[in-house]
Amino acid sequence: MKIRREDLVAAAGAGLLQYRQIEPLLVFLLQHDLLQSREAMLAMHQPRQGLTPWLIYIAAILAFVTATLFGVVVVAGHVPGLAGPVALGAFCYLVATASVVTWKRRYGHAMSLQTVALLAMATLPLILALFGAYRFAS
């Protein structure tokens, strides 16, 4: 319901409020309406809560760990001294990716698909390192 100045003047004319109360009451009602609409807009843009985002994050991390373990096994089979640095590099990529995801989530830019894409992009250097180690060993 919108309250206009004319409605408040009519209420003052009927004796329900004083004429000097019209301006402060109108300002209060406008601010209250503005705050309600702002809260409604913010509620629409809140990130979704629940189990689905956590399951996606867990699946992405498990995929990264699986790729890393596979890479370490492959590298250890061909170049025994290179398994440790590959595992350390993969851990560094995981920490960097997790920090970027945390930063994006803090500022409200993170979505589940962005997280999975970011983890997939972080595994690309690991895959290239594995390919290089395999070619180097051959």
C-alpha atoms as a PDB file:
ATOM      1  CA  MET A   1       0.000   0.000   0.000  1.00  0.00           C
ATOM      2  CA  LYS A   2       1.430   3.347  -1.006  1.00  0.00           C
ATOM      3  CA  ILE A   3       0.858   6.277   1.333  1.00  0.00           C
ATOM      4  CA  ARG A   4       0.936   9.673  -0.316  1.00  0.00           C
ATOM      5  CA  ARG A   5       1.309  13.125   1.175  1.00  0.00           C
ATOM      6  CA  GLU A   6      -2.322  13.876   0.351  1.00  0.00           C
ATOM      7  CA  ASP A   7      -3.420  10.901   2.474  1.00  0.00           C
ATOM      8  CA  LEU A   8      -1.442  12.195   5.440  1.00  0.00           C
ATOM      9  CA  VAL A   9      -2.831  15.719   4.985  1.00  0.00           C
ATOM     10  CA  ALA A  10      -6.330  14.241   4.925  1.00  0.00           C
ATOM     11  CA  ALA A  11      -5.569  12.302   8.128  1.00  0.00           C
ATOM     12  CA  ALA A  12      -4.294  15.508   9.758  1.00  0.00           C
ATOM     13  CA  GLY A  13      -7.444  17.290   8.620  1.00  0.00           C
ATOM     14  CA  ALA A  14      -9.522  14.575  10.246  1.00  0.00           C
ATOM     15  CA  GLY A  15      -7.605  15.054  13.493  1.00  0.00           C
ATOM     16  CA  LEU A  16      -5.789  11.714  13.491  1.00  0.00           C
ATOM     17  CA  LEU A  17      -2.337  13.330  13.501  1.00  0.00           C
ATOM     18  CA  GLN A  18      -0.841  16.783  13.698  1.00  0.00           C
ATOM     19  CA  TYR A  19       0.264  18.724  10.621  1.00  0.00           C
ATOM     20  CA  ARG A  20       3.871  18.914  11.858  1.00  0.00           C
ATOM     21  CA  GLN A  21       4.015  15.106  11.956  1.00  0.00           C
ATOM     22  CA  ILE A  22       3.340  14.717   8.229  1.00  0.00           C
ATOM     23  CA  GLU A  23       6.910  15.246   6.961  1.00  0.00           C
ATOM     24  CA  PRO A  24       8.715  12.966   9.473  1.00  0.00           C
ATOM     25  CA  LEU A  25       6.094  10.257   9.036  1.00  0.00           C
ATOM     26  CA  LEU A  26       6.330  10.445   5.242  1.00  0.00           C
ATOM     27  CA  VAL A  27      10.147  10.210   5.376  1.00  0.00           C
ATOM     28  CA  PHE A  28       9.939   7.234   7.743  1.00  0.00           C
ATOM     29  CA  LEU A  29       7.433   5.412   5.543  1.00  0.00           C
ATOM     30  CA  LEU A  30       9.527   5.995   2.404  1.00  0.00           C
ATOM     31  CA  GLN A  31      12.682   4.725   4.118  1.00  0.00           C
ATOM     32  CA  HIS A  32      10.810   1.714   5.466  1.00  0.00           C
ATOM     33  CA  ASP A  33       9.462   0.876   2.010  1.00  0.00           C
ATOM     34  CA  LEU A  34      12.933   1.261   0.486  1.00  0.00           C
ATOM     35  CA  LEU A  35      14.502  -1.049   3.090  1.00  0.00           C
ATOM     36  CA  GLN A  36      11.817  -3.687   2.539  1.00  0.00           C
ATOM     37  CA  SER A  37      12.330  -3.679  -1.232  1.00  0.00           C
ATOM     38  CA  ARG A  38      16.116  -3.847  -0.773  1.00  0.00           C
ATOM     39  CA  GLU A  39      15.826  -6.827   1.588  1.00  0.00           C
ATOM     40  CA  ALA A  40      13.515  -8.579  -0.879  1.00  0.00           C
ATOM     41  CA  MET A  41      16.029  -8.060  -3.699  1.00  0.00           C
ATOM     42  CA  LEU A  42      18.906  -9.346  -1.545  1.00  0.00           C
ATOM     43  CA  ALA A  43      16.889 -12.398  -0.544  1.00  0.00           C
ATOM     44  CA  MET A  44      16.403 -13.251  -4.226  1.00  0.00           C
ATOM     45  CA  HIS A  45      20.148 -13.180  -4.877  1.00  0.00           C
ATOM     46  CA  GLN A  46      21.282 -15.196  -1.867  1.00  0.00           C
ATOM     47  CA  PRO A  47      23.341 -18.259  -2.775  1.00  0.00           C
ATOM     48  CA  ARG A  48      21.410 -21.435  -2.456  1.00  0.00           C
ATOM     49  CA  GLN A  49      21.886 -23.365   0.706  1.00  0.00           C
ATOM     50  CA  GLY A  50      21.671 -27.056   1.185  1.00  0.00           C
ATOM     51  CA  LEU A  51      23.453 -30.264   0.413  1.00  0.00           C
ATOM     52  CA  THR A  52      23.920 -29.916  -3.355  1.00  0.00           C
ATOM     53  CA  PRO A  53      26.813 -27.376  -3.333  1.00  0.00           C
ATOM     54  CA  TRP A  54      28.698 -29.431  -0.750  1.00  0.00           C
ATOM     55  CA  LEU A  55      28.268 -32.599  -2.785  1.00  0.00           C
ATOM     56  CA  ILE A  56      29.583 -30.832  -5.875  1.00  0.00           C
ATOM     57  CA  TYR A  57      32.619 -29.534  -3.969  1.00  0.00           C
ATOM     58  CA  ILE A  58      33.333 -32.971  -2.540  1.00  0.00           C
ATOM     59  CA  ALA A  59      32.994 -34.571  -5.984  1.00  0.00           C
ATOM     60  CA  ALA A  60      35.367 -32.002  -7.495  1.00  0.00           C
ATOM     61  CA  ILE A  61      37.976 -32.539  -4.789  1.00  0.00           C
ATOM     62  CA  LEU A  62      37.667 -36.323  -5.096  1.00  0.00           C
ATOM     63  CA  ALA A  63      38.159 -36.039  -8.856  1.00  0.00           C
ATOM     64  CA  PHE A  64      41.267 -33.939  -8.294  1.00  0.00           C
ATOM     65  CA  VAL A  65      42.673 -36.378  -5.728  1.00  0.00           C
ATOM     66  CA  THR A  66      41.941 -39.321  -8.022  1.00  0.00           C
ATOM     67  CA  ALA A  67      43.719 -37.648 -10.946  1.00  0.00           C
ATOM     68  CA  THR A  68      46.668 -36.803  -8.709  1.00  0.00           C
ATOM     69  CA  LEU A  69      47.002 -40.334  -7.364  1.00  0.00           C
ATOM     70  CA  PHE A  70      46.766 -41.768 -10.852  1.00  0.00           C
ATOM     71  CA  GLY A  71      49.452 -39.363 -12.015  1.00  0.00           C
ATOM     72  CA  VAL A  72      51.743 -40.236  -9.130  1.00  0.00           C
ATOM     73  CA  VAL A  73      51.314 -43.962  -9.825  1.00  0.00           C
ATOM     74  CA  VAL A  74      52.058 -43.484 -13.535  1.00  0.00           C
ATOM     75  CA  VAL A  75      55.071 -41.269 -12.886  1.00  0.00           C
ATOM     76  CA  ALA A  76      56.411 -43.574 -10.154  1.00  0.00           C
ATOM     77  CA  GLY A  77      56.219 -46.469 -12.592  1.00  0.00           C
ATOM     78  CA  HIS A  78      58.322 -44.678 -15.220  1.00  0.00           C
ATOM     79  CA  VAL A  79      60.490 -42.185 -13.326  1.00  0.00           C
ATOM     80  CA  PRO A  80      60.800 -43.164  -9.643  1.00  0.00           C
ATOM     81  CA  GLY A  81      62.419 -39.923  -8.473  1.00  0.00           C
ATOM     82  CA  LEU A  82      59.705 -37.716  -9.972  1.00  0.00           C
ATOM     83  CA  ALA A  83      56.709 -39.014  -7.970  1.00  0.00           C
ATOM     84  CA  GLY A  84      57.358 -36.763  -4.961  1.00  0.00           C
ATOM     85  CA  PRO A  85      57.634 -33.480  -6.902  1.00  0.00           C
ATOM     86  CA  VAL A  86      54.496 -34.319  -8.905  1.00  0.00           C
ATOM     87  CA  ALA A  87      52.554 -34.988  -5.697  1.00  0.00           C
ATOM     88  CA  LEU A  88      53.889 -31.768  -4.138  1.00  0.00           C
ATOM     89  CA  GLY A  89      52.997 -29.771  -7.252  1.00  0.00           C
ATOM     90  CA  ALA A  90      49.499 -31.245  -7.278  1.00  0.00           C
ATOM     91  CA  PHE A  91      49.068 -30.306  -3.617  1.00  0.00           C
ATOM     92  CA  CYS A  92      50.193 -26.729  -4.369  1.00  0.00           C
ATOM     93  CA  TYR A  93      47.685 -26.513  -7.231  1.00  0.00           C
ATOM     94  CA  LEU A  94      44.933 -27.809  -4.933  1.00  0.00           C
ATOM     95  CA  VAL A  95      45.741 -25.212  -2.261  1.00  0.00           C
ATOM     96  CA  ALA A  96      45.826 -22.397  -4.838  1.00  0.00           C
ATOM     97  CA  THR A  97      42.542 -23.517  -6.347  1.00  0.00           C
ATOM     98  CA  ALA A  98      40.879 -23.803  -2.949  1.00  0.00           C
ATOM     99  CA  SER A  99      42.029 -20.291  -2.045  1.00  0.00           C
ATOM    100  CA  VAL A 100      40.610 -18.855  -5.286  1.00  0.00           C
ATOM    101  CA  VAL A 101      37.311 -20.670  -4.713  1.00  0.00           C
ATOM    102  CA  THR A 102      37.163 -19.355  -1.145  1.00  0.00           C
ATOM    103  CA  TRP A 103      37.891 -15.829  -2.358  1.00  0.00           C
ATOM    104  CA  LYS A 104      35.201 -16.045  -5.044  1.00  0.00           C
ATOM    105  CA  ARG A 105      32.701 -17.483  -2.572  1.00  0.00           C
ATOM    106  CA  ARG A 106      33.405 -14.733  -0.024  1.00  0.00           C
ATOM    107  CA  TYR A 107      32.543 -12.040  -2.547  1.00  0.00           C
ATOM    108  CA  GLY A 108      29.478 -13.878  -3.837  1.00  0.00           C
ATOM    109  CA  HIS A 109      30.778 -14.846  -7.270  1.00  0.00           C
ATOM    110  CA  ALA A 110      31.065 -18.586  -6.770  1.00  0.00           C
ATOM    111  CA  MET A 111      28.682 -21.063  -8.300  1.00  0.00           C
ATOM    112  CA  SER A 112      28.939 -24.816  -8.339  1.00  0.00           C
ATOM    113  CA  LEU A 113      29.785 -24.905 -12.031  1.00  0.00           C
ATOM    114  CA  GLN A 114      32.501 -22.298 -11.587  1.00  0.00           C
ATOM    115  CA  THR A 115      34.061 -24.370  -8.830  1.00  0.00           C
ATOM    116  CA  VAL A 116      34.132 -27.531 -10.913  1.00  0.00           C
ATOM    117  CA  ALA A 117      35.542 -25.608 -13.896  1.00  0.00           C
ATOM    118  CA  LEU A 118      38.200 -24.033 -11.695  1.00  0.00           C
ATOM    119  CA  LEU A 119      39.268 -27.401 -10.316  1.00  0.00           C
ATOM    120  CA  ALA A 120      39.354 -28.823 -13.828  1.00  0.00           C
ATOM    121  CA  MET A 121      41.566 -25.946 -14.959  1.00  0.00           C
ATOM    122  CA  ALA A 122      43.839 -26.523 -11.988  1.00  0.00           C
ATOM    123  CA  THR A 123      44.365 -30.142 -13.018  1.00  0.00           C
ATOM    124  CA  LEU A 124      45.516 -29.128 -16.502  1.00  0.00           C
ATOM    125  CA  PRO A 125      49.126 -28.315 -15.458  1.00  0.00           C
ATOM    126  CA  LEU A 126      49.240 -31.609 -13.562  1.00  0.00           C
ATOM    127  CA  ILE A 127      48.190 -33.503 -16.674  1.00  0.00           C
ATOM    128  CA  LEU A 128      50.766 -31.636 -18.742  1.00  0.00           C
ATOM    129  CA  ALA A 129      53.458 -32.440 -16.164  1.00  0.00           C
ATOM    130  CA  LEU A 130      52.521 -36.108 -16.288  1.00  0.00           C
ATOM    131  CA  PHE A 131      52.634 -36.103 -20.080  1.00  0.00           C
ATOM    132  CA  GLY A 132      56.033 -34.391 -19.987  1.00  0.00           C
ATOM    133  CA  ALA A 133      57.360 -36.868 -17.418  1.00  0.00           C
ATOM    134  CA  TYR A 134      56.131 -39.779 -19.506  1.00  0.00           C
ATOM    135  CA  ARG A 135      57.812 -38.360 -22.638  1.00  0.00           C
ATOM    136  CA  PHE A 136      60.986 -37.585 -20.705  1.00  0.00           C
ATOM    137  CA  ALA A 137      61.188 -41.131 -19.400  1.00  0.00           C
ATOM    138  CA  SER A 138      60.642 -42.696 -22.831  1.00  0.00           C
END
